[in-house]
Amino acid sequence: MQKIKDITLFERRDKKGTSWDKIHILDDGRLNFDSHDLGSIPMEFWGHEDYEYDTYVDAEWKDSILLLLRKERFKRNEDFRKWADTKEIPYTSASWP
């Protein structure tokens, strides 16, 4: 598996338009949550067919966010390892008697 710097969290395409939410790790280490709406839904709310909004998290908080997300998603180390295996994410393990 290659390192991931961008991922789509949500995407919808229908007769009302297109919406997506993506997350990016920027070159300076910040997290960027990018959302975009195109079509009749933004026209109803904002008066134009294209609406984009971003949220940025400073690089110094990226590790905290990732640890908190890991805690919410994986309660046990074994759960994380099984998930990492399915994504072909390399890791090392150690154990002691």
PDB file of N, CA and C in Angstrom:
ATOM      1  N   MET A   1       0.832  -1.180   0.000  1.00  0.00           N
ATOM      2  CA  MET A   1       0.000   0.000   0.000  1.00  0.00           C
ATOM      3  C   MET A   1       0.878   1.245   0.000  1.00  0.00           C
ATOM      4  N   GLN A   2       0.481   2.242  -0.750  1.00  0.00           N
ATOM      5  CA  GLN A   2       1.191   3.514  -0.756  1.00  0.00           C
ATOM      6  C   GLN A   2       0.714   4.384   0.401  1.00  0.00           C
ATOM      7  N   LYS A   3       1.568   5.314   0.827  1.00  0.00           N
ATOM      8  CA  LYS A   3       1.152   6.276   1.841  1.00  0.00           C
ATOM      9  C   LYS A   3      -0.006   7.102   1.304  1.00  0.00           C
ATOM     10  N   ILE A   4      -0.956   7.367   2.169  1.00  0.00           N
ATOM     11  CA  ILE A   4      -2.139   8.140   1.784  1.00  0.00           C
ATOM     12  C   ILE A   4      -1.990   9.572   2.281  1.00  0.00           C
ATOM     13  N   LYS A   5      -2.205  10.532   1.400  1.00  0.00           N
ATOM     14  CA  LYS A   5      -2.211  11.943   1.793  1.00  0.00           C
ATOM     15  C   LYS A   5      -3.562  12.590   1.510  1.00  0.00           C
ATOM     16  N   ASP A   6      -4.430  11.886   0.786  1.00  0.00           N
ATOM     17  CA  ASP A   6      -5.755  12.396   0.437  1.00  0.00           C
ATOM     18  C   ASP A   6      -6.737  11.233   0.464  1.00  0.00           C
ATOM     19  N   ILE A   7      -7.936  11.504   0.971  1.00  0.00           N
ATOM     20  CA  ILE A   7      -8.962  10.454   0.962  1.00  0.00           C
ATOM     21  C   ILE A   7     -10.341  11.111   0.898  1.00  0.00           C
ATOM     22  N   THR A   8     -11.247  10.474   0.164  1.00  0.00           N
ATOM     23  CA  THR A   8     -12.628  10.945   0.097  1.00  0.00           C
ATOM     24  C   THR A   8     -13.406  10.299   1.228  1.00  0.00           C
ATOM     25  N   LEU A   9     -14.032  11.144   2.061  1.00  0.00           N
ATOM     26  CA  LEU A   9     -14.823  10.658   3.188  1.00  0.00           C
ATOM     27  C   LEU A   9     -16.277  10.430   2.789  1.00  0.00           C
ATOM     28  N   PHE A  10     -16.779  11.270   1.894  1.00  0.00           N
ATOM     29  CA  PHE A  10     -18.179  11.221   1.491  1.00  0.00           C
ATOM     30  C   PHE A  10     -18.283  11.772   0.075  1.00  0.00           C
ATOM     31  N   GLU A  11     -19.130  11.151  -0.733  1.00  0.00           N
ATOM     32  CA  GLU A  11     -19.402  11.688  -2.071  1.00  0.00           C
ATOM     33  C   GLU A  11     -20.818  11.311  -2.465  1.00  0.00           C
ATOM     34  N   ARG A  12     -21.540  12.278  -2.995  1.00  0.00           N
ATOM     35  CA  ARG A  12     -22.916  12.046  -3.449  1.00  0.00           C
ATOM     36  C   ARG A  12     -23.100  12.729  -4.798  1.00  0.00           C
ATOM     37  N   ARG A  13     -23.670  11.998  -5.741  1.00  0.00           N
ATOM     38  CA  ARG A  13     -24.016  12.550  -7.050  1.00  0.00           C
ATOM     39  C   ARG A  13     -25.450  12.121  -7.354  1.00  0.00           C
ATOM     40  N   ASP A  14     -26.315  13.100  -7.568  1.00  0.00           N
ATOM     41  CA  ASP A  14     -27.685  12.796  -7.944  1.00  0.00           C
ATOM     42  C   ASP A  14     -28.233  13.970  -8.759  1.00  0.00           C
ATOM     43  N   LYS A  15     -29.538  13.964  -9.016  1.00  0.00           N
ATOM     44  CA  LYS A  15     -30.120  15.004  -9.873  1.00  0.00           C
ATOM     45  C   LYS A  15     -30.057  16.395  -9.238  1.00  0.00           C
ATOM     46  N   LYS A  16     -29.881  16.464  -7.919  1.00  0.00           N
ATOM     47  CA  LYS A  16     -29.782  17.762  -7.258  1.00  0.00           C
ATOM     48  C   LYS A  16     -28.373  18.331  -7.283  1.00  0.00           C
ATOM     49  N   GLY A  17     -27.401  17.491  -7.612  1.00  0.00           N
ATOM     50  CA  GLY A  17     -26.039  17.993  -7.691  1.00  0.00           C
ATOM     51  C   GLY A  17     -25.017  17.013  -7.154  1.00  0.00           C
ATOM     52  N   THR A  18     -23.873  17.552  -6.806  1.00  0.00           N
ATOM     53  CA  THR A  18     -22.751  16.762  -6.326  1.00  0.00           C
ATOM     54  C   THR A  18     -22.234  17.370  -5.030  1.00  0.00           C
ATOM     55  N   SER A  19     -21.905  16.521  -4.085  1.00  0.00           N
ATOM     56  CA  SER A  19     -21.302  16.964  -2.827  1.00  0.00           C
ATOM     57  C   SER A  19     -20.176  16.003  -2.484  1.00  0.00           C
ATOM     58  N   TRP A  20     -19.146  16.535  -1.839  1.00  0.00           N
ATOM     59  CA  TRP A  20     -18.095  15.666  -1.333  1.00  0.00           C
ATOM     60  C   TRP A  20     -17.399  16.298  -0.152  1.00  0.00           C
ATOM     61  N   ASP A  21     -16.848  15.420   0.659  1.00  0.00           N
ATOM     62  CA  ASP A  21     -15.988  15.793   1.781  1.00  0.00           C
ATOM     63  C   ASP A  21     -14.716  14.972   1.628  1.00  0.00           C
ATOM     64  N   LYS A  22     -13.590  15.664   1.670  1.00  0.00           N
ATOM     65  CA  LYS A  22     -12.295  15.001   1.542  1.00  0.00           C
ATOM     66  C   LYS A  22     -11.380  15.497   2.648  1.00  0.00           C
ATOM     67  N   ILE A  23     -10.373  14.708   2.952  1.00  0.00           N
ATOM     68  CA  ILE A  23      -9.362  15.131   3.903  1.00  0.00           C
ATOM     69  C   ILE A  23      -7.994  14.986   3.228  1.00  0.00           C
ATOM     70  N   HIS A  24      -7.152  15.969   3.483  1.00  0.00           N
ATOM     71  CA  HIS A  24      -5.821  15.997   2.879  1.00  0.00           C
ATOM     72  C   HIS A  24      -4.791  16.271   3.972  1.00  0.00           C
ATOM     73  N   ILE A  25      -3.639  15.654   3.863  1.00  0.00           N
ATOM     74  CA  ILE A  25      -2.491  16.045   4.676  1.00  0.00           C
ATOM     75  C   ILE A  25      -1.659  16.942   3.778  1.00  0.00           C
ATOM     76  N   LEU A  26      -1.580  18.211   4.119  1.00  0.00           N
ATOM     77  CA  LEU A  26      -0.872  19.182   3.298  1.00  0.00           C
ATOM     78  C   LEU A  26       0.635  19.048   3.480  1.00  0.00           C
ATOM     79  N   ASP A  27       1.380  19.607   2.561  1.00  0.00           N
ATOM     80  CA  ASP A  27       2.841  19.512   2.616  1.00  0.00           C
ATOM     81  C   ASP A  27       3.420  20.099   3.903  1.00  0.00           C
ATOM     82  N   ASP A  28       2.728  21.087   4.489  1.00  0.00           N
ATOM     83  CA  ASP A  28       3.219  21.682   5.741  1.00  0.00           C
ATOM     84  C   ASP A  28       2.765  20.908   6.980  1.00  0.00           C
ATOM     85  N   GLY A  29       2.075  19.756   6.776  1.00  0.00           N
ATOM     86  CA  GLY A  29       1.672  18.896   7.883  1.00  0.00           C
ATOM     87  C   GLY A  29       0.277  19.159   8.416  1.00  0.00           C
ATOM     88  N   ARG A  30      -0.377  20.230   7.974  1.00  0.00           N
ATOM     89  CA  ARG A  30      -1.740  20.511   8.436  1.00  0.00           C
ATOM     90  C   ARG A  30      -2.721  19.520   7.825  1.00  0.00           C
ATOM     91  N   LEU A  31      -3.846  19.309   8.529  1.00  0.00           N
ATOM     92  CA  LEU A  31      -4.961  18.552   7.979  1.00  0.00           C
ATOM     93  C   LEU A  31      -5.937  19.539   7.362  1.00  0.00           C
ATOM     94  N   ASN A  32      -6.435  19.225   6.180  1.00  0.00           N
ATOM     95  CA  ASN A  32      -7.417  20.055   5.496  1.00  0.00           C
ATOM     96  C   ASN A  32      -8.648  19.205   5.231  1.00  0.00           C
ATOM     97  N   PHE A  33      -9.778  19.617   5.798  1.00  0.00           N
ATOM     98  CA  PHE A  33     -11.060  18.989   5.521  1.00  0.00           C
ATOM     99  C   PHE A  33     -11.747  19.852   4.471  1.00  0.00           C
ATOM    100  N   ASP A  34     -11.903  19.317   3.269  1.00  0.00           N
ATOM    101  CA  ASP A  34     -12.397  20.056   2.110  1.00  0.00           C
ATOM    102  C   ASP A  34     -13.798  19.568   1.788  1.00  0.00           C
ATOM    103  N   SER A  35     -14.756  20.488   1.760  1.00  0.00           N
ATOM    104  CA  SER A  35     -16.137  20.146   1.407  1.00  0.00           C
ATOM    105  C   SER A  35     -16.566  20.996   0.229  1.00  0.00           C
ATOM    106  N   HIS A  36     -17.353  20.395  -0.657  1.00  0.00           N
ATOM    107  CA  HIS A  36     -17.760  21.084  -1.869  1.00  0.00           C
ATOM    108  C   HIS A  36     -19.172  20.639  -2.227  1.00  0.00           C
ATOM    109  N   ASP A  37     -20.020  21.601  -2.538  1.00  0.00           N
ATOM    110  CA  ASP A  37     -21.380  21.326  -3.003  1.00  0.00           C
ATOM    111  C   ASP A  37     -21.587  22.026  -4.331  1.00  0.00           C
ATOM    112  N   LEU A  38     -22.131  21.300  -5.300  1.00  0.00           N
ATOM    113  CA  LEU A  38     -22.447  21.841  -6.625  1.00  0.00           C
ATOM    114  C   LEU A  38     -23.882  21.478  -6.970  1.00  0.00           C
ATOM    115  N   GLY A  39     -24.628  22.411  -7.545  1.00  0.00           N
ATOM    116  CA  GLY A  39     -25.965  22.089  -8.007  1.00  0.00           C
ATOM    117  C   GLY A  39     -27.046  22.899  -7.337  1.00  0.00           C
ATOM    118  N   SER A  40     -28.260  22.334  -7.323  1.00  0.00           N
ATOM    119  CA  SER A  40     -29.432  23.080  -6.852  1.00  0.00           C
ATOM    120  C   SER A  40     -29.462  23.266  -5.331  1.00  0.00           C
ATOM    121  N   ILE A  41     -28.856  22.365  -4.573  1.00  0.00           N
ATOM    122  CA  ILE A  41     -28.896  22.511  -3.113  1.00  0.00           C
ATOM    123  C   ILE A  41     -28.166  23.776  -2.658  1.00  0.00           C
ATOM    124  N   PRO A  42     -26.921  24.025  -3.092  1.00  0.00           N
ATOM    125  CA  PRO A  42     -26.297  25.286  -2.685  1.00  0.00           C
ATOM    126  C   PRO A  42     -27.023  26.509  -3.262  1.00  0.00           C
ATOM    127  N   MET A  43     -27.644  26.355  -4.434  1.00  0.00           N
ATOM    128  CA  MET A  43     -28.399  27.467  -5.014  1.00  0.00           C
ATOM    129  C   MET A  43     -29.549  27.863  -4.093  1.00  0.00           C
ATOM    130  N   GLU A  44     -30.219  26.881  -3.507  1.00  0.00           N
ATOM    131  CA  GLU A  44     -31.323  27.158  -2.591  1.00  0.00           C
ATOM    132  C   GLU A  44     -30.853  27.891  -1.331  1.00  0.00           C
ATOM    133  N   PHE A  45     -29.693  27.504  -0.805  1.00  0.00           N
ATOM    134  CA  PHE A  45     -29.218  28.062   0.458  1.00  0.00           C
ATOM    135  C   PHE A  45     -28.384  29.332   0.291  1.00  0.00           C
ATOM    136  N   TRP A  46     -27.514  29.367  -0.726  1.00  0.00           N
ATOM    137  CA  TRP A  46     -26.545  30.452  -0.824  1.00  0.00           C
ATOM    138  C   TRP A  46     -26.688  31.303  -2.084  1.00  0.00           C
ATOM    139  N   GLY A  47     -27.577  30.917  -2.978  1.00  0.00           N
ATOM    140  CA  GLY A  47     -27.825  31.737  -4.153  1.00  0.00           C
ATOM    141  C   GLY A  47     -26.855  31.529  -5.302  1.00  0.00           C
ATOM    142  N   HIS A  48     -26.027  30.527  -5.240  1.00  0.00           N
ATOM    143  CA  HIS A  48     -25.162  30.166  -6.361  1.00  0.00           C
ATOM    144  C   HIS A  48     -24.936  28.664  -6.344  1.00  0.00           C
ATOM    145  N   GLU A  49     -24.549  28.126  -7.486  1.00  0.00           N
ATOM    146  CA  GLU A  49     -24.494  26.667  -7.652  1.00  0.00           C
ATOM    147  C   GLU A  49     -23.205  26.026  -7.164  1.00  0.00           C
ATOM    148  N   ASP A  50     -22.309  26.792  -6.605  1.00  0.00           N
ATOM    149  CA  ASP A  50     -21.015  26.249  -6.189  1.00  0.00           C
ATOM    150  C   ASP A  50     -20.678  26.812  -4.818  1.00  0.00           C
ATOM    151  N   TYR A  51     -20.499  25.919  -3.848  1.00  0.00           N
ATOM    152  CA  TYR A  51     -20.153  26.345  -2.502  1.00  0.00           C
ATOM    153  C   TYR A  51     -19.060  25.425  -1.973  1.00  0.00           C
ATOM    154  N   GLU A  52     -17.970  26.023  -1.547  1.00  0.00           N
ATOM    155  CA  GLU A  52     -16.832  25.258  -1.054  1.00  0.00           C
ATOM    156  C   GLU A  52     -16.437  25.800   0.313  1.00  0.00           C
ATOM    157  N   TYR A  53     -16.085  24.893   1.216  1.00  0.00           N
ATOM    158  CA  TYR A  53     -15.650  25.325   2.538  1.00  0.00           C
ATOM    159  C   TYR A  53     -14.593  24.365   3.047  1.00  0.00           C
ATOM    160  N   ASP A  54     -13.663  24.915   3.793  1.00  0.00           N
ATOM    161  CA  ASP A  54     -12.518  24.158   4.275  1.00  0.00           C
ATOM    162  C   ASP A  54     -12.346  24.371   5.775  1.00  0.00           C
ATOM    163  N   THR A  55     -11.834  23.346   6.428  1.00  0.00           N
ATOM    164  CA  THR A  55     -11.423  23.426   7.821  1.00  0.00           C
ATOM    165  C   THR A  55      -9.974  22.964   7.873  1.00  0.00           C
ATOM    166  N   TYR A  56      -9.141  23.728   8.561  1.00  0.00           N
ATOM    167  CA  TYR A  56      -7.724  23.397   8.680  1.00  0.00           C
ATOM    168  C   TYR A  56      -7.380  23.131  10.139  1.00  0.00           C
ATOM    169  N   VAL A  57      -6.568  22.118  10.371  1.00  0.00           N
ATOM    170  CA  VAL A  57      -6.062  21.799  11.703  1.00  0.00           C
ATOM    171  C   VAL A  57      -4.546  21.899  11.634  1.00  0.00           C
ATOM    172  N   ASP A  58      -3.966  22.696  12.528  1.00  0.00           N
ATOM    173  CA  ASP A  58      -2.517  22.882  12.528  1.00  0.00           C
ATOM    174  C   ASP A  58      -1.785  21.555  12.689  1.00  0.00           C
ATOM    175  N   ALA A  59      -0.610  21.487  12.093  1.00  0.00           N
ATOM    176  CA  ALA A  59       0.198  20.263  12.107  1.00  0.00           C
ATOM    177  C   ALA A  59       0.464  19.765  13.518  1.00  0.00           C
ATOM    178  N   GLU A  60       0.610  20.685  14.477  1.00  0.00           N
ATOM    179  CA  GLU A  60       0.917  20.265  15.849  1.00  0.00           C
ATOM    180  C   GLU A  60      -0.219  19.458  16.476  1.00  0.00           C
ATOM    181  N   TRP A  61      -1.431  19.539  15.935  1.00  0.00           N
ATOM    182  CA  TRP A  61      -2.584  18.797  16.466  1.00  0.00           C
ATOM    183  C   TRP A  61      -2.890  17.528  15.679  1.00  0.00           C
ATOM    184  N   LYS A  62      -2.223  17.318  14.547  1.00  0.00           N
ATOM    185  CA  LYS A  62      -2.520  16.162  13.692  1.00  0.00           C
ATOM    186  C   LYS A  62      -2.365  14.845  14.442  1.00  0.00           C
ATOM    187  N   ASP A  63      -1.270  14.677  15.171  1.00  0.00           N
ATOM    188  CA  ASP A  63      -1.041  13.417  15.891  1.00  0.00           C
ATOM    189  C   ASP A  63      -2.112  13.186  16.959  1.00  0.00           C
ATOM    190  N   SER A  64      -2.522  14.247  17.652  1.00  0.00           N
ATOM    191  CA  SER A  64      -3.578  14.115  18.669  1.00  0.00           C
ATOM    192  C   SER A  64      -4.883  13.654  18.038  1.00  0.00           C
ATOM    193  N   ILE A  65      -5.220  14.239  16.902  1.00  0.00           N
ATOM    194  CA  ILE A  65      -6.449  13.841  16.206  1.00  0.00           C
ATOM    195  C   ILE A  65      -6.376  12.376  15.791  1.00  0.00           C
ATOM    196  N   LEU A  66      -5.257  11.979  15.227  1.00  0.00           N
ATOM    197  CA  LEU A  66      -5.129  10.593  14.775  1.00  0.00           C
ATOM    198  C   LEU A  66      -5.187   9.613  15.946  1.00  0.00           C
ATOM    199  N   LEU A  67      -4.589   9.966  17.078  1.00  0.00           N
ATOM    200  CA  LEU A  67      -4.672   9.094  18.254  1.00  0.00           C
ATOM    201  C   LEU A  67      -6.100   9.006  18.787  1.00  0.00           C
ATOM    202  N   LEU A  68      -6.798  10.128  18.834  1.00  0.00           N
ATOM    203  CA  LEU A  68      -8.188  10.104  19.303  1.00  0.00           C
ATOM    204  C   LEU A  68      -9.082   9.296  18.368  1.00  0.00           C
ATOM    205  N   LEU A  69      -8.865   9.429  17.069  1.00  0.00           N
ATOM    206  CA  LEU A  69      -9.638   8.636  16.122  1.00  0.00           C
ATOM    207  C   LEU A  69      -9.345   7.147  16.280  1.00  0.00           C
ATOM    208  N   ARG A  70      -8.081   6.811  16.503  1.00  0.00           N
ATOM    209  CA  ARG A  70      -7.730   5.407  16.725  1.00  0.00           C
ATOM    210  C   ARG A  70      -8.426   4.890  17.972  1.00  0.00           C
ATOM    211  N   LYS A  71      -8.448   5.684  19.040  1.00  0.00           N
ATOM    212  CA  LYS A  71      -9.099   5.271  20.283  1.00  0.00           C
ATOM    213  C   LYS A  71     -10.594   5.032  20.066  1.00  0.00           C
ATOM    214  N   GLU A  72     -11.245   5.902  19.298  1.00  0.00           N
ATOM    215  CA  GLU A  72     -12.681   5.751  19.052  1.00  0.00           C
ATOM    216  C   GLU A  72     -12.986   4.563  18.149  1.00  0.00           C
ATOM    217  N   ARG A  73     -12.074   4.230  17.260  1.00  0.00           N
ATOM    218  CA  ARG A  73     -12.322   3.163  16.289  1.00  0.00           C
ATOM    219  C   ARG A  73     -11.857   1.792  16.775  1.00  0.00           C
ATOM    220  N   PHE A  74     -10.740   1.757  17.507  1.00  0.00           N
ATOM    221  CA  PHE A  74     -10.147   0.478  17.910  1.00  0.00           C
ATOM    222  C   PHE A  74      -9.956   0.453  19.419  1.00  0.00           C
ATOM    223  N   LYS A  75     -10.702  -0.379  20.094  1.00  0.00           N
ATOM    224  CA  LYS A  75     -10.601  -0.478  21.556  1.00  0.00           C
ATOM    225  C   LYS A  75      -9.435  -1.365  21.979  1.00  0.00           C
ATOM    226  N   ARG A  76      -9.035  -2.275  21.097  1.00  0.00           N
ATOM    227  CA  ARG A  76      -7.947  -3.197  21.428  1.00  0.00           C
ATOM    228  C   ARG A  76      -6.889  -3.184  20.345  1.00  0.00           C
ATOM    229  N   ASN A  77      -5.670  -3.463  20.755  1.00  0.00           N
ATOM    230  CA  ASN A  77      -4.553  -3.512  19.819  1.00  0.00           C
ATOM    231  C   ASN A  77      -4.805  -4.546  18.718  1.00  0.00           C
ATOM    232  N   GLU A  78      -5.366  -5.683  19.107  1.00  0.00           N
ATOM    233  CA  GLU A  78      -5.661  -6.749  18.146  1.00  0.00           C
ATOM    234  C   GLU A  78      -6.606  -6.249  17.050  1.00  0.00           C
ATOM    235  N   ASP A  79      -7.596  -5.431  17.414  1.00  0.00           N
ATOM    236  CA  ASP A  79      -8.528  -4.874  16.432  1.00  0.00           C
ATOM    237  C   ASP A  79      -7.790  -3.993  15.424  1.00  0.00           C
ATOM    238  N   PHE A  80      -6.870  -3.190  15.927  1.00  0.00           N
ATOM    239  CA  PHE A  80      -6.097  -2.332  15.034  1.00  0.00           C
ATOM    240  C   PHE A  80      -5.254  -3.160  14.071  1.00  0.00           C
ATOM    241  N   ARG A  81      -4.577  -4.185  14.587  1.00  0.00           N
ATOM    242  CA  ARG A  81      -3.716  -5.003  13.738  1.00  0.00           C
ATOM    243  C   ARG A  81      -4.509  -5.716  12.647  1.00  0.00           C
ATOM    244  N   LYS A  82      -5.672  -6.233  12.989  1.00  0.00           N
ATOM    245  CA  LYS A  82      -6.518  -6.892  11.986  1.00  0.00           C
ATOM    246  C   LYS A  82      -6.926  -5.904  10.894  1.00  0.00           C
ATOM    247  N   TRP A  83      -7.299  -4.700  11.309  1.00  0.00           N
ATOM    248  CA  TRP A  83      -7.681  -3.672  10.345  1.00  0.00           C
ATOM    249  C   TRP A  83      -6.482  -3.292   9.467  1.00  0.00           C
ATOM    250  N   ALA A  84      -5.314  -3.078  10.072  1.00  0.00           N
ATOM    251  CA  ALA A  84      -4.115  -2.716   9.330  1.00  0.00           C
ATOM    252  C   ALA A  84      -3.759  -3.809   8.311  1.00  0.00           C
ATOM    253  N   ASP A  85      -3.942  -5.069   8.696  1.00  0.00           N
ATOM    254  CA  ASP A  85      -3.685  -6.166   7.764  1.00  0.00           C
ATOM    255  C   ASP A  85      -4.588  -6.065   6.532  1.00  0.00           C
ATOM    256  N   THR A  86      -5.862  -5.756   6.729  1.00  0.00           N
ATOM    257  CA  THR A  86      -6.785  -5.671   5.587  1.00  0.00           C
ATOM    258  C   THR A  86      -6.439  -4.512   4.671  1.00  0.00           C
ATOM    259  N   LYS A  87      -5.781  -3.478   5.204  1.00  0.00           N
ATOM    260  CA  LYS A  87      -5.393  -2.306   4.402  1.00  0.00           C
ATOM    261  C   LYS A  87      -3.954  -2.408   3.902  1.00  0.00           C
ATOM    262  N   GLU A  88      -3.289  -3.513   4.244  1.00  0.00           N
ATOM    263  CA  GLU A  88      -1.895  -3.750   3.867  1.00  0.00           C
ATOM    264  C   GLU A  88      -0.982  -2.645   4.387  1.00  0.00           C
ATOM    265  N   ILE A  89      -1.248  -2.196   5.608  1.00  0.00           N
ATOM    266  CA  ILE A  89      -0.423  -1.184   6.263  1.00  0.00           C
ATOM    267  C   ILE A  89       0.642  -1.902   7.070  1.00  0.00           C
ATOM    268  N   PRO A  90       1.915  -1.636   6.785  1.00  0.00           N
ATOM    269  CA  PRO A  90       2.968  -2.331   7.523  1.00  0.00           C
ATOM    270  C   PRO A  90       3.075  -1.830   8.960  1.00  0.00           C
ATOM    271  N   TYR A  91       3.386  -2.744   9.862  1.00  0.00           N
ATOM    272  CA  TYR A  91       3.612  -2.401  11.273  1.00  0.00           C
ATOM    273  C   TYR A  91       4.541  -3.459  11.857  1.00  0.00           C
ATOM    274  N   THR A  92       5.069  -3.178  13.018  1.00  0.00           N
ATOM    275  CA  THR A  92       5.862  -4.167  13.740  1.00  0.00           C
ATOM    276  C   THR A  92       5.190  -4.435  15.057  1.00  0.00           C
ATOM    277  N   SER A  93       5.435  -5.616  15.599  1.00  0.00           N
ATOM    278  CA  SER A  93       4.874  -6.024  16.899  1.00  0.00           C
ATOM    279  C   SER A  93       5.987  -6.485  17.812  1.00  0.00           C
ATOM    280  N   ALA A  94       5.743  -6.373  19.074  1.00  0.00           N
ATOM    281  CA  ALA A  94       6.676  -6.901  20.073  1.00  0.00           C
ATOM    282  C   ALA A  94       5.850  -7.453  21.224  1.00  0.00           C
ATOM    283  N   SER A  95       6.397  -8.449  21.894  1.00  0.00           N
ATOM    284  CA  SER A  95       5.738  -9.002  23.083  1.00  0.00           C
ATOM    285  C   SER A  95       6.782  -9.388  24.093  1.00  0.00           C
ATOM    286  N   TRP A  96       6.377  -9.446  25.357  1.00  0.00           N
ATOM    287  CA  TRP A  96       7.266  -9.804  26.444  1.00  0.00           C
ATOM    288  C   TRP A  96       6.614 -10.885  27.286  1.00  0.00           C
ATOM    289  N   PRO A  97       7.441 -11.717  27.919  1.00  0.00           N
ATOM    290  CA  PRO A  97       6.853 -12.791  28.732  1.00  0.00           C
ATOM    291  C   PRO A  97       6.112 -12.253  29.932  1.00  0.00           C
TER     292      PRO A  97
END
